[in-house]
């Protein structure tokens, strides 16, 4: 997904498992792994600096030492609830313009091309939200791309590699720290994060 304030590259499934990377322009990136109710987050140094400022962020990155932070998807202190939503196909469908909700009918357009594949565009609009979905014209009618315009912003979601499993490997214990260990590390610094990570 590419949006003005966010880029996501995720593998996800119907069970809300996922693995990938979330990047925020000028604010760094976070690698994410989610299996069931457990989530692992690995912010980069730029992310810590954006959260805490240059000096404090450098200290935080040094203390975390590139490890994943392990927590529960219910732990809002880590901000993991919001990040876990990125792995939830139902939340994705809802955020994509309420694709399954009642409203205007989809309007079909002429066959076009998406990365070398023939696709049928279908469009619907409601209020100030316009959604255009490009569906494969050959083989299974799978969505290939979703373009969404709302409040003057444009988001693009590219969908591919269907029928591949989300990687089941989770970060090993020696490359992981718990949320409690993270808080302990921050307690030895001059300040704690001003907002959830």
Foldseek 3Di string as FASTA:
>chain_A
DDWPFKDWDWDADQQLFIWTKIAGPQQFIWTWGDDHFKIWIFTALSNLCSQPNDPRSNLLCVLLVRFIEMDTCPPCLQVSVVVSLVRHVVSVCVVLPVPPDDDDDWDWDDWDDDPRFIWIWTWDDDDQKIKIWTFGPDDDRHTQKIWIAHPNIIDIDGDDPPPDDHDPDDDDPVRYDYPVVSVVSQVPDPDDGPGRD
